[in-house]
Amino acid sequence: TVLKNGDLVVLPTDTIYGIVAVATNISAVQKLDTAKQRPDGYPYIILISSIDELSLFGVYLDQNIKSTLEKIWPAPVSIVLKTNHFDSSYLGATDSLAFRLPNSPKLLELIKKTGPLVAPSANTSGQPTATTIAKAQDYFGQKVSLYIPAETEPLVGQASTLVDFTSPSPKILRAGTVKLDNLW
């Protein structure tokens, strides 16, 4: 309900604590920009609950890429894909966006109820990612409507592997826990 009302939530993702908003709600994403003190033009990663949700953002997959994504996901791997006929400027992007199908049943269930979520790390720009709810509260205070703690703290994880699929040969932009060298 909080997310559907356009408010922000800090919660554990499949990697680290994230500060999340509904990705299709422009005013919620603007609240997120303000809370994170995020510079313009820095794109967000969007959490989805199924590959079919990519079409909401103008992403249309050929069978080869779809087959590759089905091998990779769900996992802490974010994939940059081209968007078509979708104004993604409010998400900090122009013609591509990054997506992740998380490997967390609780998080997937939430996304099925709310729709895709913008989910950057829980920190203000330039600061370390919060590993506890208390640290997230220090960063965001009342700008976040709900804080959901992890089952154990500190929540120390690693950001997702980030792979660019916008050119003919996929390129790893950020190494994470998942190694993908043998997929292509």
N, C-alpha and C. Protein backbone atom coordinates (compact mmCIF):
# COMPACT_ATOMS: atom_id res chain seq x y z
N THR A 1 0.83 -1.20 0.00
CA THR A 1 0.00 0.00 0.00
C THR A 1 0.87 1.26 0.00
N VAL A 2 1.91 1.25 0.81
CA VAL A 2 2.81 2.41 0.88
C VAL A 2 3.40 2.70 -0.49
N LEU A 3 3.91 1.67 -1.16
CA LEU A 3 4.50 1.87 -2.48
C LEU A 3 3.47 2.29 -3.51
N LYS A 4 2.30 1.68 -3.49
CA LYS A 4 1.25 2.04 -4.45
C LYS A 4 0.78 3.48 -4.25
N ASN A 5 0.95 4.01 -3.02
CA ASN A 5 0.58 5.40 -2.73
C ASN A 5 1.66 6.39 -3.18
N GLY A 6 2.75 5.88 -3.76
CA GLY A 6 3.80 6.76 -4.27
C GLY A 6 4.87 7.10 -3.26
N ASP A 7 4.91 6.36 -2.16
CA ASP A 7 5.91 6.63 -1.14
C ASP A 7 7.11 5.70 -1.28
N LEU A 8 8.14 5.98 -0.49
CA LEU A 8 9.40 5.24 -0.54
C LEU A 8 9.50 4.23 0.60
N VAL A 9 10.21 3.12 0.32
CA VAL A 9 10.42 2.07 1.30
C VAL A 9 11.89 1.65 1.24
N VAL A 10 12.50 1.41 2.39
CA VAL A 10 13.81 0.78 2.45
C VAL A 10 13.58 -0.66 2.85
N LEU A 11 14.19 -1.59 2.08
CA LEU A 11 14.01 -3.01 2.35
C LEU A 11 15.21 -3.80 1.86
N PRO A 12 15.36 -5.03 2.35
CA PRO A 12 16.43 -5.87 1.83
C PRO A 12 16.05 -6.38 0.44
N THR A 13 16.98 -6.26 -0.50
CA THR A 13 16.76 -6.85 -1.82
C THR A 13 17.51 -8.18 -1.84
N ASP A 14 17.72 -8.74 -2.99
CA ASP A 14 18.48 -9.98 -3.08
C ASP A 14 19.98 -9.73 -3.02
N THR A 15 20.38 -8.46 -2.92
CA THR A 15 21.81 -8.13 -2.85
C THR A 15 22.13 -7.32 -1.60
N ILE A 16 21.54 -6.14 -1.47
CA ILE A 16 21.82 -5.21 -0.37
C ILE A 16 20.53 -4.49 0.00
N TYR A 17 20.59 -3.60 1.01
CA TYR A 17 19.42 -2.77 1.29
C TYR A 17 19.20 -1.83 0.11
N GLY A 18 17.94 -1.71 -0.30
CA GLY A 18 17.58 -0.78 -1.36
C GLY A 18 16.55 0.20 -0.86
N ILE A 19 16.51 1.37 -1.48
CA ILE A 19 15.43 2.32 -1.25
C ILE A 19 14.59 2.24 -2.52
N VAL A 20 13.32 1.87 -2.39
CA VAL A 20 12.54 1.51 -3.57
C VAL A 20 11.30 2.40 -3.75
N ALA A 21 10.91 2.50 -5.02
CA ALA A 21 9.70 3.22 -5.42
C ALA A 21 9.14 2.48 -6.64
N VAL A 22 7.86 2.65 -6.89
CA VAL A 22 7.25 2.04 -8.07
C VAL A 22 7.82 2.72 -9.32
N ALA A 23 8.39 1.93 -10.20
CA ALA A 23 9.13 2.44 -11.35
C ALA A 23 8.27 3.19 -12.36
N THR A 24 6.98 2.92 -12.41
CA THR A 24 6.11 3.58 -13.37
C THR A 24 5.44 4.83 -12.79
N ASN A 25 5.75 5.17 -11.54
CA ASN A 25 5.18 6.33 -10.87
C ASN A 25 6.22 7.45 -10.89
N ILE A 26 6.06 8.40 -11.81
CA ILE A 26 7.05 9.46 -12.00
C ILE A 26 7.26 10.26 -10.73
N SER A 27 6.20 10.63 -10.02
CA SER A 27 6.37 11.45 -8.81
C SER A 27 7.09 10.66 -7.71
N ALA A 28 6.87 9.35 -7.63
CA ALA A 28 7.58 8.54 -6.64
C ALA A 28 9.08 8.48 -6.98
N VAL A 29 9.40 8.36 -8.26
CA VAL A 29 10.81 8.34 -8.68
C VAL A 29 11.45 9.70 -8.39
N GLN A 30 10.70 10.79 -8.57
CA GLN A 30 11.22 12.11 -8.25
C GLN A 30 11.49 12.24 -6.75
N LYS A 31 10.62 11.67 -5.91
CA LYS A 31 10.87 11.64 -4.46
C LYS A 31 12.16 10.89 -4.16
N LEU A 32 12.36 9.81 -4.88
CA LEU A 32 13.56 9.00 -4.71
C LEU A 32 14.80 9.80 -5.09
N ASP A 33 14.73 10.51 -6.21
CA ASP A 33 15.86 11.37 -6.63
C ASP A 33 16.22 12.35 -5.52
N THR A 34 15.21 12.98 -4.94
CA THR A 34 15.43 13.97 -3.89
C THR A 34 16.02 13.31 -2.64
N ALA A 35 15.45 12.18 -2.23
CA ALA A 35 15.92 11.50 -1.02
C ALA A 35 17.37 11.05 -1.16
N LYS A 36 17.73 10.53 -2.34
CA LYS A 36 19.09 10.04 -2.56
C LYS A 36 20.07 11.15 -2.91
N GLN A 37 19.55 12.35 -3.23
CA GLN A 37 20.39 13.45 -3.70
C GLN A 37 21.17 12.98 -4.93
N ARG A 38 20.43 12.32 -5.81
CA ARG A 38 21.03 11.66 -6.98
C ARG A 38 21.27 12.65 -8.10
N PRO A 39 22.47 12.63 -8.70
CA PRO A 39 22.73 13.53 -9.83
C PRO A 39 21.88 13.16 -11.04
N ASP A 40 21.57 14.14 -11.86
CA ASP A 40 20.80 13.90 -13.09
C ASP A 40 21.56 12.96 -14.02
N GLY A 41 20.81 12.20 -14.79
CA GLY A 41 21.40 11.35 -15.81
C GLY A 41 22.08 10.10 -15.28
N TYR A 42 21.80 9.72 -14.07
CA TYR A 42 22.37 8.51 -13.49
C TYR A 42 21.24 7.48 -13.42
N PRO A 43 21.20 6.52 -14.35
CA PRO A 43 20.03 5.64 -14.47
C PRO A 43 19.87 4.66 -13.30
N TYR A 44 18.63 4.30 -13.09
CA TYR A 44 18.26 3.34 -12.04
C TYR A 44 18.20 1.93 -12.58
N ILE A 45 18.35 0.96 -11.67
CA ILE A 45 18.08 -0.44 -11.98
C ILE A 45 16.63 -0.71 -11.56
N ILE A 46 15.91 -1.41 -12.41
CA ILE A 46 14.50 -1.71 -12.15
C ILE A 46 14.35 -3.19 -11.85
N LEU A 47 13.71 -3.49 -10.73
CA LEU A 47 13.43 -4.87 -10.36
C LEU A 47 12.10 -5.28 -10.97
N ILE A 48 12.09 -6.44 -11.61
CA ILE A 48 10.87 -6.97 -12.23
C ILE A 48 10.55 -8.33 -11.63
N SER A 49 9.32 -8.78 -11.81
CA SER A 49 8.93 -10.10 -11.30
C SER A 49 8.85 -11.14 -12.41
N SER A 50 8.92 -10.70 -13.68
CA SER A 50 8.92 -11.63 -14.80
C SER A 50 9.48 -10.93 -16.03
N ILE A 51 9.99 -11.72 -16.94
CA ILE A 51 10.53 -11.16 -18.19
C ILE A 51 9.45 -10.41 -18.96
N ASP A 52 8.20 -10.84 -18.84
CA ASP A 52 7.10 -10.19 -19.55
C ASP A 52 6.96 -8.71 -19.17
N GLU A 53 7.37 -8.33 -17.95
CA GLU A 53 7.24 -6.94 -17.51
C GLU A 53 8.17 -5.99 -18.26
N LEU A 54 9.16 -6.51 -18.96
CA LEU A 54 10.05 -5.66 -19.74
C LEU A 54 9.28 -4.84 -20.78
N SER A 55 8.20 -5.40 -21.29
CA SER A 55 7.42 -4.69 -22.32
C SER A 55 6.81 -3.40 -21.78
N LEU A 56 6.62 -3.28 -20.47
CA LEU A 56 6.11 -2.04 -19.88
C LEU A 56 7.04 -0.86 -20.15
N PHE A 57 8.31 -1.16 -20.41
CA PHE A 57 9.33 -0.15 -20.61
C PHE A 57 9.83 -0.10 -22.06
N GLY A 58 9.04 -0.67 -22.96
CA GLY A 58 9.39 -0.64 -24.37
C GLY A 58 10.55 -1.55 -24.73
N VAL A 59 10.74 -2.62 -23.96
CA VAL A 59 11.80 -3.58 -24.26
C VAL A 59 11.18 -4.78 -24.95
N TYR A 60 11.67 -5.06 -26.14
CA TYR A 60 11.19 -6.21 -26.89
C TYR A 60 12.40 -7.08 -27.21
N LEU A 61 12.35 -8.32 -26.79
CA LEU A 61 13.49 -9.22 -26.88
C LEU A 61 13.41 -10.15 -28.07
N ASP A 62 14.56 -10.36 -28.73
CA ASP A 62 14.59 -11.43 -29.71
C ASP A 62 14.75 -12.75 -28.94
N GLN A 63 14.54 -13.85 -29.59
CA GLN A 63 14.53 -15.15 -28.93
C GLN A 63 15.88 -15.48 -28.30
N ASN A 64 16.98 -15.08 -28.94
CA ASN A 64 18.31 -15.37 -28.39
C ASN A 64 18.53 -14.69 -27.05
N ILE A 65 18.21 -13.39 -26.98
CA ILE A 65 18.39 -12.67 -25.72
C ILE A 65 17.43 -13.21 -24.67
N LYS A 66 16.19 -13.47 -25.06
CA LYS A 66 15.22 -14.01 -24.10
C LYS A 66 15.72 -15.34 -23.53
N SER A 67 16.24 -16.22 -24.37
CA SER A 67 16.78 -17.50 -23.90
C SER A 67 17.95 -17.30 -22.94
N THR A 68 18.81 -16.35 -23.25
CA THR A 68 19.94 -16.06 -22.37
C THR A 68 19.45 -15.54 -21.03
N LEU A 69 18.49 -14.63 -21.03
CA LEU A 69 17.95 -14.10 -19.77
C LEU A 69 17.29 -15.20 -18.94
N GLU A 70 16.61 -16.11 -19.59
CA GLU A 70 15.98 -17.22 -18.87
C GLU A 70 17.02 -18.13 -18.20
N LYS A 71 18.24 -18.20 -18.78
CA LYS A 71 19.32 -18.96 -18.16
C LYS A 71 19.92 -18.22 -16.96
N ILE A 72 19.97 -16.90 -17.06
CA ILE A 72 20.61 -16.07 -16.02
C ILE A 72 19.67 -15.84 -14.84
N TRP A 73 18.45 -15.44 -15.11
CA TRP A 73 17.52 -15.01 -14.07
C TRP A 73 16.69 -16.14 -13.51
N PRO A 74 16.24 -16.06 -12.25
CA PRO A 74 16.48 -15.00 -11.28
C PRO A 74 17.88 -15.12 -10.68
N ALA A 75 18.51 -13.98 -10.51
CA ALA A 75 19.87 -13.92 -9.96
C ALA A 75 20.24 -12.46 -9.71
N PRO A 76 21.28 -12.23 -8.92
CA PRO A 76 21.76 -10.86 -8.71
C PRO A 76 22.57 -10.35 -9.90
N VAL A 77 21.89 -10.34 -11.05
CA VAL A 77 22.49 -9.88 -12.30
C VAL A 77 21.53 -8.86 -12.93
N SER A 78 22.05 -7.67 -13.15
CA SER A 78 21.26 -6.61 -13.79
C SER A 78 21.70 -6.50 -15.25
N ILE A 79 20.71 -6.39 -16.13
CA ILE A 79 20.95 -6.40 -17.56
C ILE A 79 20.48 -5.08 -18.17
N VAL A 80 21.36 -4.42 -18.91
CA VAL A 80 21.00 -3.19 -19.63
C VAL A 80 20.44 -3.59 -20.98
N LEU A 81 19.22 -3.11 -21.27
CA LEU A 81 18.53 -3.43 -22.51
C LEU A 81 18.03 -2.15 -23.18
N LYS A 82 17.96 -2.16 -24.50
CA LYS A 82 17.43 -1.02 -25.24
C LYS A 82 15.92 -0.89 -25.01
N THR A 83 15.47 0.36 -24.94
CA THR A 83 14.03 0.64 -24.85
C THR A 83 13.58 1.28 -26.15
N ASN A 84 12.34 1.05 -26.51
CA ASN A 84 11.77 1.61 -27.74
C ASN A 84 10.48 2.33 -27.41
N HIS A 85 10.37 3.56 -27.87
CA HIS A 85 9.13 4.32 -27.71
C HIS A 85 8.69 4.40 -26.25
N PHE A 86 9.66 4.60 -25.35
CA PHE A 86 9.36 4.76 -23.93
C PHE A 86 10.21 5.92 -23.42
N ASP A 87 9.57 6.90 -22.80
CA ASP A 87 10.30 8.05 -22.25
C ASP A 87 10.86 7.65 -20.89
N SER A 88 12.13 7.28 -20.89
CA SER A 88 12.78 6.84 -19.65
C SER A 88 13.59 7.94 -19.00
N SER A 89 13.42 9.19 -19.45
CA SER A 89 14.23 10.28 -18.92
C SER A 89 14.02 10.46 -17.42
N TYR A 90 12.83 10.25 -16.91
CA TYR A 90 12.60 10.39 -15.47
C TYR A 90 13.32 9.31 -14.67
N LEU A 91 13.76 8.24 -15.34
CA LEU A 91 14.53 7.18 -14.69
C LEU A 91 16.04 7.39 -14.89
N GLY A 92 16.41 8.55 -15.42
CA GLY A 92 17.82 8.89 -15.61
C GLY A 92 18.44 8.29 -16.84
N ALA A 93 17.64 7.83 -17.78
CA ALA A 93 18.16 7.14 -18.96
C ALA A 93 17.62 7.77 -20.23
N THR A 94 18.19 7.36 -21.35
CA THR A 94 17.70 7.85 -22.64
C THR A 94 17.10 6.73 -23.46
N ASP A 95 17.92 5.81 -23.94
CA ASP A 95 17.40 4.76 -24.82
C ASP A 95 17.65 3.35 -24.30
N SER A 96 18.04 3.23 -23.04
CA SER A 96 18.24 1.91 -22.45
C SER A 96 18.01 1.99 -20.94
N LEU A 97 17.69 0.85 -20.35
CA LEU A 97 17.48 0.76 -18.90
C LEU A 97 18.06 -0.56 -18.41
N ALA A 98 18.39 -0.61 -17.12
CA ALA A 98 18.89 -1.83 -16.51
C ALA A 98 17.77 -2.49 -15.71
N PHE A 99 17.68 -3.82 -15.81
CA PHE A 99 16.64 -4.59 -15.14
C PHE A 99 17.26 -5.77 -14.40
N ARG A 100 16.58 -6.19 -13.34
CA ARG A 100 16.99 -7.40 -12.62
C ARG A 100 15.75 -8.16 -12.18
N LEU A 101 15.80 -9.46 -12.37
CA LEU A 101 14.78 -10.37 -11.84
C LEU A 101 15.41 -10.98 -10.59
N PRO A 102 15.05 -10.47 -9.40
CA PRO A 102 15.74 -10.87 -8.18
C PRO A 102 15.49 -12.32 -7.78
N ASN A 103 16.46 -12.86 -7.08
CA ASN A 103 16.37 -14.23 -6.58
C ASN A 103 15.92 -14.19 -5.12
N SER A 104 14.72 -13.70 -4.89
CA SER A 104 14.15 -13.57 -3.56
C SER A 104 12.64 -13.76 -3.66
N PRO A 105 12.12 -14.89 -3.18
CA PRO A 105 10.67 -15.11 -3.27
C PRO A 105 9.83 -14.00 -2.64
N LYS A 106 10.25 -13.47 -1.49
CA LYS A 106 9.49 -12.39 -0.84
C LYS A 106 9.47 -11.13 -1.70
N LEU A 107 10.62 -10.80 -2.25
CA LEU A 107 10.71 -9.60 -3.09
C LEU A 107 9.92 -9.77 -4.39
N LEU A 108 9.98 -10.95 -4.98
CA LEU A 108 9.21 -11.20 -6.20
C LEU A 108 7.71 -11.09 -5.94
N GLU A 109 7.27 -11.59 -4.80
CA GLU A 109 5.85 -11.49 -4.44
C GLU A 109 5.44 -10.02 -4.28
N LEU A 110 6.29 -9.22 -3.66
CA LEU A 110 6.01 -7.79 -3.52
C LEU A 110 5.90 -7.13 -4.90
N ILE A 111 6.84 -7.41 -5.78
CA ILE A 111 6.84 -6.80 -7.11
C ILE A 111 5.59 -7.21 -7.90
N LYS A 112 5.13 -8.44 -7.73
CA LYS A 112 3.90 -8.87 -8.40
C LYS A 112 2.71 -8.03 -7.95
N LYS A 113 2.75 -7.56 -6.69
CA LYS A 113 1.64 -6.75 -6.15
C LYS A 113 1.77 -5.27 -6.52
N THR A 114 2.99 -4.77 -6.61
CA THR A 114 3.19 -3.33 -6.82
C THR A 114 3.52 -2.96 -8.27
N GLY A 115 4.03 -3.91 -9.01
CA GLY A 115 4.62 -3.60 -10.31
C GLY A 115 6.10 -3.39 -10.13
N PRO A 116 6.84 -3.23 -11.23
CA PRO A 116 8.29 -3.07 -11.16
C PRO A 116 8.71 -1.95 -10.21
N LEU A 117 9.85 -2.16 -9.57
CA LEU A 117 10.37 -1.21 -8.59
C LEU A 117 11.73 -0.68 -9.01
N VAL A 118 11.91 0.62 -8.85
CA VAL A 118 13.23 1.22 -8.95
C VAL A 118 13.90 0.92 -7.61
N ALA A 119 15.14 0.41 -7.64
CA ALA A 119 15.73 -0.10 -6.41
C ALA A 119 17.22 0.21 -6.29
N PRO A 120 17.59 1.48 -6.14
CA PRO A 120 19.01 1.77 -5.92
C PRO A 120 19.41 1.42 -4.48
N SER A 121 20.70 1.43 -4.24
CA SER A 121 21.21 1.15 -2.90
C SER A 121 20.70 2.19 -1.91
N ALA A 122 20.55 1.76 -0.65
CA ALA A 122 20.03 2.62 0.40
C ALA A 122 21.17 3.49 0.96
N ASN A 123 21.41 4.59 0.30
CA ASN A 123 22.40 5.57 0.74
C ASN A 123 22.14 6.86 -0.02
N THR A 124 22.64 7.95 0.53
CA THR A 124 22.60 9.18 -0.23
C THR A 124 23.81 9.17 -1.16
N SER A 125 23.72 9.91 -2.23
CA SER A 125 24.75 9.89 -3.26
C SER A 125 26.14 10.13 -2.67
N GLY A 126 27.07 9.24 -3.00
CA GLY A 126 28.44 9.36 -2.55
C GLY A 126 28.73 8.75 -1.20
N GLN A 127 27.72 8.24 -0.51
CA GLN A 127 27.91 7.65 0.82
C GLN A 127 27.89 6.13 0.72
N PRO A 128 28.44 5.43 1.73
CA PRO A 128 28.39 3.97 1.72
C PRO A 128 26.96 3.46 1.85
N THR A 129 26.69 2.32 1.26
CA THR A 129 25.37 1.71 1.35
C THR A 129 25.06 1.35 2.80
N ALA A 130 23.85 1.64 3.23
CA ALA A 130 23.41 1.29 4.58
C ALA A 130 23.42 -0.23 4.75
N THR A 131 24.00 -0.71 5.81
CA THR A 131 23.99 -2.14 6.12
C THR A 131 23.05 -2.45 7.27
N THR A 132 22.47 -1.40 7.86
CA THR A 132 21.47 -1.56 8.93
C THR A 132 20.32 -0.59 8.67
N ILE A 133 19.18 -0.91 9.22
CA ILE A 133 18.02 -0.02 9.11
C ILE A 133 18.33 1.31 9.81
N ALA A 134 19.03 1.25 10.93
CA ALA A 134 19.37 2.48 11.65
C ALA A 134 20.18 3.44 10.77
N LYS A 135 21.13 2.91 10.01
CA LYS A 135 21.92 3.75 9.11
C LYS A 135 21.06 4.31 7.98
N ALA A 136 20.16 3.49 7.45
CA ALA A 136 19.24 3.98 6.42
C ALA A 136 18.37 5.11 6.97
N GLN A 137 17.92 4.97 8.21
CA GLN A 137 17.11 6.03 8.83
C GLN A 137 17.93 7.30 9.01
N ASP A 138 19.22 7.15 9.31
CA ASP A 138 20.10 8.33 9.40
C ASP A 138 20.15 9.05 8.06
N TYR A 139 20.24 8.29 6.97
CA TYR A 139 20.31 8.88 5.63
C TYR A 139 19.01 9.57 5.23
N PHE A 140 17.89 8.89 5.46
CA PHE A 140 16.64 9.33 4.84
C PHE A 140 15.58 9.87 5.80
N GLY A 141 15.61 9.50 7.06
CA GLY A 141 14.65 10.00 8.03
C GLY A 141 13.21 9.85 7.57
N GLN A 142 12.46 10.94 7.60
CA GLN A 142 11.04 10.94 7.26
C GLN A 142 10.77 10.94 5.76
N LYS A 143 11.82 11.00 4.93
CA LYS A 143 11.62 10.94 3.48
C LYS A 143 11.19 9.55 3.05
N VAL A 144 11.44 8.56 3.90
CA VAL A 144 11.03 7.18 3.64
C VAL A 144 9.87 6.86 4.57
N SER A 145 8.81 6.29 4.02
CA SER A 145 7.61 6.00 4.81
C SER A 145 7.67 4.70 5.59
N LEU A 146 8.48 3.73 5.10
CA LEU A 146 8.51 2.43 5.75
C LEU A 146 9.92 1.84 5.63
N TYR A 147 10.41 1.34 6.77
CA TYR A 147 11.71 0.66 6.82
C TYR A 147 11.47 -0.79 7.20
N ILE A 148 11.92 -1.71 6.36
CA ILE A 148 11.74 -3.14 6.61
C ILE A 148 13.12 -3.75 6.84
N PRO A 149 13.38 -4.23 8.06
CA PRO A 149 14.71 -4.78 8.34
C PRO A 149 14.91 -6.17 7.75
N ALA A 150 16.16 -6.49 7.49
CA ALA A 150 16.53 -7.84 7.06
C ALA A 150 16.40 -8.76 8.27
N GLU A 151 16.34 -10.06 8.00
CA GLU A 151 16.23 -11.03 9.09
C GLU A 151 17.44 -10.96 10.01
N THR A 152 18.61 -10.67 9.46
CA THR A 152 19.81 -10.47 10.26
C THR A 152 20.54 -9.24 9.76
N GLU A 153 21.11 -8.51 10.71
CA GLU A 153 21.90 -7.33 10.37
C GLU A 153 23.27 -7.47 11.02
N PRO A 154 24.30 -6.89 10.47
CA PRO A 154 24.22 -6.04 9.29
C PRO A 154 24.00 -6.84 8.02
N LEU A 155 23.33 -6.23 7.07
CA LEU A 155 23.10 -6.84 5.76
C LEU A 155 24.26 -6.41 4.87
N VAL A 156 25.21 -7.29 4.73
CA VAL A 156 26.40 -6.99 3.96
C VAL A 156 26.37 -7.86 2.71
N GLY A 157 26.16 -7.25 1.59
CA GLY A 157 26.11 -7.96 0.33
C GLY A 157 26.95 -7.24 -0.69
N GLN A 158 26.82 -7.65 -1.90
CA GLN A 158 27.54 -7.04 -3.00
C GLN A 158 26.54 -6.62 -4.06
N ALA A 159 26.79 -5.49 -4.67
CA ALA A 159 25.91 -5.03 -5.75
C ALA A 159 25.86 -6.08 -6.85
N SER A 160 24.80 -6.04 -7.62
CA SER A 160 24.61 -7.02 -8.69
C SER A 160 25.67 -6.88 -9.78
N THR A 161 25.91 -7.99 -10.46
CA THR A 161 26.70 -7.96 -11.68
C THR A 161 25.88 -7.15 -12.70
N LEU A 162 26.53 -6.27 -13.43
CA LEU A 162 25.83 -5.42 -14.40
C LEU A 162 26.37 -5.71 -15.79
N VAL A 163 25.47 -6.11 -16.69
CA VAL A 163 25.87 -6.51 -18.04
C VAL A 163 25.10 -5.69 -19.07
N ASP A 164 25.82 -5.14 -20.04
CA ASP A 164 25.21 -4.36 -21.11
C ASP A 164 24.90 -5.27 -22.29
N PHE A 165 23.61 -5.38 -22.62
CA PHE A 165 23.14 -6.18 -23.75
C PHE A 165 22.67 -5.30 -24.90
N THR A 166 23.13 -4.04 -24.96
CA THR A 166 22.63 -3.14 -26.00
C THR A 166 23.42 -3.23 -27.30
N SER A 167 24.52 -3.95 -27.30
CA SER A 167 25.30 -4.14 -28.52
C SER A 167 25.35 -5.63 -28.84
N PRO A 168 25.85 -6.00 -30.01
CA PRO A 168 25.85 -7.41 -30.40
C PRO A 168 26.60 -8.34 -29.43
N SER A 169 27.65 -7.82 -28.78
CA SER A 169 28.39 -8.64 -27.81
C SER A 169 28.16 -8.10 -26.41
N PRO A 170 27.55 -8.88 -25.52
CA PRO A 170 27.34 -8.42 -24.14
C PRO A 170 28.66 -8.03 -23.48
N LYS A 171 28.58 -7.01 -22.63
CA LYS A 171 29.78 -6.49 -21.97
C LYS A 171 29.50 -6.34 -20.48
N ILE A 172 30.37 -6.89 -19.64
CA ILE A 172 30.22 -6.75 -18.19
C ILE A 172 30.69 -5.36 -17.79
N LEU A 173 29.76 -4.58 -17.21
CA LEU A 173 30.07 -3.21 -16.79
C LEU A 173 30.51 -3.16 -15.33
N ARG A 174 30.00 -4.10 -14.52
CA ARG A 174 30.35 -4.15 -13.10
C ARG A 174 30.36 -5.61 -12.67
N ALA A 175 31.45 -6.03 -12.11
CA ALA A 175 31.55 -7.40 -11.61
C ALA A 175 30.79 -7.52 -10.29
N GLY A 176 30.12 -8.62 -10.12
CA GLY A 176 29.42 -8.92 -8.88
C GLY A 176 29.71 -10.35 -8.49
N THR A 177 28.85 -10.93 -7.68
CA THR A 177 29.09 -12.30 -7.21
C THR A 177 28.87 -13.33 -8.31
N VAL A 178 28.02 -13.02 -9.29
CA VAL A 178 27.72 -13.97 -10.35
C VAL A 178 28.68 -13.76 -11.51
N LYS A 179 29.35 -14.83 -11.91
CA LYS A 179 30.27 -14.78 -13.05
C LYS A 179 29.54 -15.32 -14.28
N LEU A 180 29.59 -14.58 -15.38
CA LEU A 180 28.82 -14.92 -16.57
C LEU A 180 29.67 -15.22 -17.79
N ASP A 181 30.95 -15.33 -17.64
CA ASP A 181 31.84 -15.48 -18.78
C ASP A 181 31.48 -16.64 -19.71
N ASN A 182 30.90 -17.70 -19.17
CA ASN A 182 30.64 -18.88 -19.98
C ASN A 182 29.28 -18.84 -20.71
N LEU A 183 28.54 -17.74 -20.61
CA LEU A 183 27.23 -17.68 -21.26
C LEU A 183 27.30 -17.22 -22.71
N TRP A 184 28.39 -16.61 -23.12
CA TRP A 184 28.49 -16.13 -24.50
C TRP A 184 29.89 -16.29 -25.02
